[in-house]
N, C-alpha and C. Protein backbone atom coordinates (compact mmCIF):
# COMPACT_ATOMS: atom_id res chain seq x y z
N MET A 1 11.89 -29.22 12.73
CA MET A 1 10.22 -28.88 12.58
C MET A 1 10.10 -28.29 11.06
N ILE A 2 11.05 -27.33 10.79
CA ILE A 2 10.88 -26.67 9.54
C ILE A 2 10.67 -27.80 8.20
N ASN A 3 11.64 -28.98 8.41
CA ASN A 3 11.51 -29.99 7.68
C ASN A 3 10.28 -30.61 7.22
N ASP A 4 9.55 -30.83 8.51
CA ASP A 4 8.21 -31.25 8.48
C ASP A 4 7.26 -30.33 7.38
N TYR A 5 7.44 -29.15 7.58
CA TYR A 5 6.64 -28.16 6.76
C TYR A 5 6.95 -28.37 5.11
N ARG A 6 8.55 -28.31 5.14
CA ARG A 6 8.90 -28.81 3.87
C ARG A 6 8.47 -29.75 2.94
N ASP A 7 8.21 -30.93 3.73
CA ASP A 7 7.80 -32.33 3.39
C ASP A 7 6.24 -32.51 3.20
N SER A 8 5.60 -31.21 3.65
CA SER A 8 4.06 -31.29 3.51
C SER A 8 3.50 -30.23 2.66
N VAL A 9 4.51 -29.75 1.83
CA VAL A 9 3.86 -28.53 0.81
C VAL A 9 2.85 -29.33 -0.09
N GLY A 10 1.82 -28.61 -0.11
CA GLY A 10 0.63 -29.14 -1.07
C GLY A 10 -0.41 -30.09 -0.29
N LYS A 11 0.22 -30.34 0.97
CA LYS A 11 -0.94 -30.93 1.79
C LYS A 11 -1.66 -29.95 2.89
N THR A 12 -2.82 -30.49 3.33
CA THR A 12 -3.59 -30.04 4.34
C THR A 12 -3.17 -30.33 5.72
N GLY A 13 -3.63 -29.33 6.60
CA GLY A 13 -3.45 -29.49 8.34
C GLY A 13 -4.56 -28.54 8.87
N LYS A 14 -4.57 -28.85 10.40
CA LYS A 14 -5.31 -28.35 11.09
C LYS A 14 -4.68 -27.78 12.48
N TRP A 15 -4.82 -26.63 12.98
CA TRP A 15 -4.25 -26.08 14.10
C TRP A 15 -5.40 -26.36 15.35
N LEU A 16 -5.09 -27.15 16.25
CA LEU A 16 -5.93 -27.39 17.33
C LEU A 16 -6.21 -26.42 18.05
N SER A 17 -5.06 -25.66 18.50
CA SER A 17 -5.31 -24.52 19.17
C SER A 17 -4.95 -22.87 18.44
N TYR A 18 -5.05 -22.10 19.07
CA TYR A 18 -4.97 -20.64 18.41
C TYR A 18 -3.53 -20.53 17.98
N SER A 19 -3.32 -19.87 16.81
CA SER A 19 -2.19 -19.78 16.29
C SER A 19 -1.92 -18.10 15.89
N SER A 20 -0.82 -17.68 15.69
CA SER A 20 -0.45 -16.35 15.38
C SER A 20 0.29 -16.12 14.06
N THR A 21 0.17 -15.24 13.30
CA THR A 21 0.96 -14.87 12.13
C THR A 21 0.88 -13.32 12.24
N SER A 22 1.53 -12.90 10.98
CA SER A 22 1.42 -11.41 10.35
C SER A 22 0.33 -11.02 9.74
N GLU A 23 -0.38 -10.15 9.82
CA GLU A 23 -1.39 -9.57 9.10
C GLU A 23 -1.03 -9.35 7.64
N ASP A 24 0.06 -8.77 7.35
CA ASP A 24 0.61 -8.60 6.12
C ASP A 24 0.97 -9.78 5.26
N ARG A 25 0.85 -10.90 5.87
CA ARG A 25 1.26 -12.18 5.15
C ARG A 25 -0.01 -12.96 4.79
N PHE A 26 -1.19 -12.70 5.67
CA PHE A 26 -2.43 -13.42 5.36
C PHE A 26 -3.71 -12.43 5.22
N GLY A 27 -4.65 -12.84 4.78
CA GLY A 27 -5.88 -12.03 4.37
C GLY A 27 -6.77 -12.84 5.08
N VAL A 28 -7.29 -13.23 6.01
CA VAL A 28 -8.06 -14.10 6.60
C VAL A 28 -8.76 -13.72 7.96
N SER A 29 -10.06 -14.38 8.32
CA SER A 29 -10.70 -13.99 9.23
C SER A 29 -9.83 -14.11 10.70
N HIS A 30 -9.80 -13.15 11.55
CA HIS A 30 -8.50 -13.18 12.71
C HIS A 30 -9.00 -12.08 13.71
N LYS A 31 -8.34 -12.20 14.99
CA LYS A 31 -8.33 -11.02 15.72
C LYS A 31 -6.88 -10.60 15.68
N GLU A 32 -7.00 -8.99 15.88
CA GLU A 32 -5.69 -8.31 15.70
C GLU A 32 -5.22 -8.00 17.09
N VAL A 33 -4.12 -8.68 17.39
CA VAL A 33 -3.61 -8.29 18.52
C VAL A 33 -2.14 -7.64 18.58
N SER A 34 -1.99 -6.77 17.48
CA SER A 34 -0.72 -6.08 17.53
C SER A 34 -0.47 -5.07 18.55
N LEU A 35 -1.55 -4.54 19.01
CA LEU A 35 -1.50 -3.57 20.35
C LEU A 35 -1.12 -4.34 21.39
N LEU A 36 -1.32 -5.26 21.63
CA LEU A 36 -0.62 -6.23 23.00
C LEU A 36 0.54 -6.97 22.59
N SER A 37 1.01 -6.91 21.36
CA SER A 37 2.40 -7.79 21.04
C SER A 37 3.53 -6.88 21.52
N HIS A 38 4.64 -7.65 21.83
CA HIS A 38 5.88 -7.20 22.09
C HIS A 38 6.55 -6.59 20.71
N TYR A 39 5.96 -7.15 19.43
CA TYR A 39 6.55 -6.55 18.35
C TYR A 39 5.38 -6.13 17.53
N PRO A 40 5.09 -5.03 17.73
CA PRO A 40 3.61 -4.30 16.99
C PRO A 40 4.12 -4.07 15.52
N ASP A 41 5.31 -3.87 15.21
CA ASP A 41 5.39 -3.80 13.73
C ASP A 41 5.26 -5.13 12.99
N GLU A 42 4.95 -6.42 13.41
CA GLU A 42 4.79 -7.30 12.78
C GLU A 42 3.41 -7.49 12.16
N GLU A 43 2.39 -6.41 12.84
CA GLU A 43 1.04 -6.51 12.84
C GLU A 43 0.63 -7.91 12.84
N GLU A 44 0.69 -8.54 13.97
CA GLU A 44 0.31 -9.71 14.53
C GLU A 44 -1.08 -9.93 14.73
N VAL A 45 -1.50 -11.12 14.07
CA VAL A 45 -3.30 -11.34 14.25
C VAL A 45 -3.12 -12.80 14.87
N LEU A 46 -4.44 -13.18 15.37
CA LEU A 46 -4.41 -14.46 15.86
C LEU A 46 -5.71 -15.18 15.11
N LEU A 47 -5.20 -16.29 14.90
CA LEU A 47 -6.38 -17.36 14.08
C LEU A 47 -7.02 -18.34 14.97
N LYS A 48 -8.18 -18.25 14.80
CA LYS A 48 -9.06 -19.31 15.72
C LYS A 48 -8.52 -20.61 15.82
N ALA A 49 -8.57 -21.14 16.94
CA ALA A 49 -8.22 -22.88 16.87
C ALA A 49 -9.30 -23.40 16.06
N GLY A 50 -8.77 -24.66 15.42
CA GLY A 50 -9.42 -25.63 14.46
C GLY A 50 -9.47 -25.21 13.01
N ALA A 51 -8.44 -23.98 12.90
CA ALA A 51 -8.42 -23.28 11.38
C ALA A 51 -7.54 -24.34 10.57
N SER A 52 -8.26 -24.62 9.21
CA SER A 52 -7.68 -25.61 8.47
C SER A 52 -6.72 -24.69 7.68
N PHE A 53 -5.68 -25.41 7.25
CA PHE A 53 -4.56 -24.69 6.03
C PHE A 53 -4.25 -25.55 5.27
N ARG A 54 -3.73 -24.96 4.03
CA ARG A 54 -2.93 -25.66 3.02
C ARG A 54 -1.34 -25.16 2.94
N ILE A 55 -0.40 -26.04 3.18
CA ILE A 55 0.93 -25.51 3.05
C ILE A 55 1.24 -25.32 1.45
N ASP A 56 1.54 -23.97 0.93
CA ASP A 56 1.81 -23.68 -0.62
C ASP A 56 3.05 -23.63 -0.77
N LYS A 57 3.86 -23.24 0.00
CA LYS A 57 5.27 -23.13 0.06
C LYS A 57 6.25 -22.80 1.21
N VAL A 58 7.57 -22.95 1.25
CA VAL A 58 8.51 -22.86 2.32
C VAL A 58 9.64 -22.03 1.79
N GLU A 59 9.94 -21.12 2.14
CA GLU A 59 11.35 -20.28 1.45
C GLU A 59 12.23 -19.47 2.76
N LYS A 60 13.33 -19.55 2.61
CA LYS A 60 14.03 -19.01 3.46
C LYS A 60 14.19 -17.53 3.08
N ASP A 61 14.30 -16.91 3.91
CA ASP A 61 14.50 -15.23 3.99
C ASP A 61 15.77 -14.76 4.59
N GLU A 62 16.78 -15.15 3.48
CA GLU A 62 18.44 -14.78 3.75
C GLU A 62 18.63 -13.64 4.46
N LYS A 63 17.80 -12.57 4.08
CA LYS A 63 18.37 -11.11 4.75
C LYS A 63 18.24 -11.44 6.39
N ASP A 64 17.07 -11.89 6.66
CA ASP A 64 16.27 -11.95 7.99
C ASP A 64 16.96 -13.26 8.77
N ASP A 65 17.56 -14.23 7.98
CA ASP A 65 17.76 -15.57 8.63
C ASP A 65 16.56 -16.27 9.07
N LYS A 66 15.30 -16.19 8.53
CA LYS A 66 14.09 -16.82 9.00
C LYS A 66 13.57 -17.53 7.89
N TYR A 67 12.73 -18.24 8.09
CA TYR A 67 11.89 -19.12 7.12
C TYR A 67 10.31 -18.35 6.85
N LEU A 68 9.84 -18.48 5.74
CA LEU A 68 8.64 -17.94 5.64
C LEU A 68 8.07 -19.11 4.98
N ILE A 69 6.74 -19.29 5.94
CA ILE A 69 5.66 -20.72 5.31
C ILE A 69 4.58 -19.79 4.89
N TYR A 70 4.44 -20.11 3.40
CA TYR A 70 2.75 -19.54 3.22
C TYR A 70 1.85 -20.68 3.06
N LEU A 71 0.83 -20.09 3.51
CA LEU A 71 -0.27 -21.03 3.84
C LEU A 71 -1.58 -20.38 3.26
N THR A 72 -2.43 -21.17 2.86
CA THR A 72 -3.97 -20.83 2.51
C THR A 72 -4.79 -21.43 3.59
N ILE A 73 -5.66 -20.56 4.17
CA ILE A 73 -6.75 -21.01 5.00
C ILE A 73 -7.89 -21.45 4.30
N ILE A 74 -8.29 -22.81 4.60
CA ILE A 74 -9.24 -23.30 3.79
C ILE A 74 -10.45 -23.73 4.93
């Protein structure tokens, strides 16, 4: 799946269902759900279904062994 994002840098897409991300990584219209989350420190927010985005960059955070996918909501 991560390879799909890597191969799509610069392209646009659309989430057909609700999606979530961390508030500290996005500055978009959203609903805060961090108070309901199992991981409140992530400052999770919910993005509405049908949100269009552009994939800007994909990088691996070696410290946490996680991938960060940078998107712009359009």
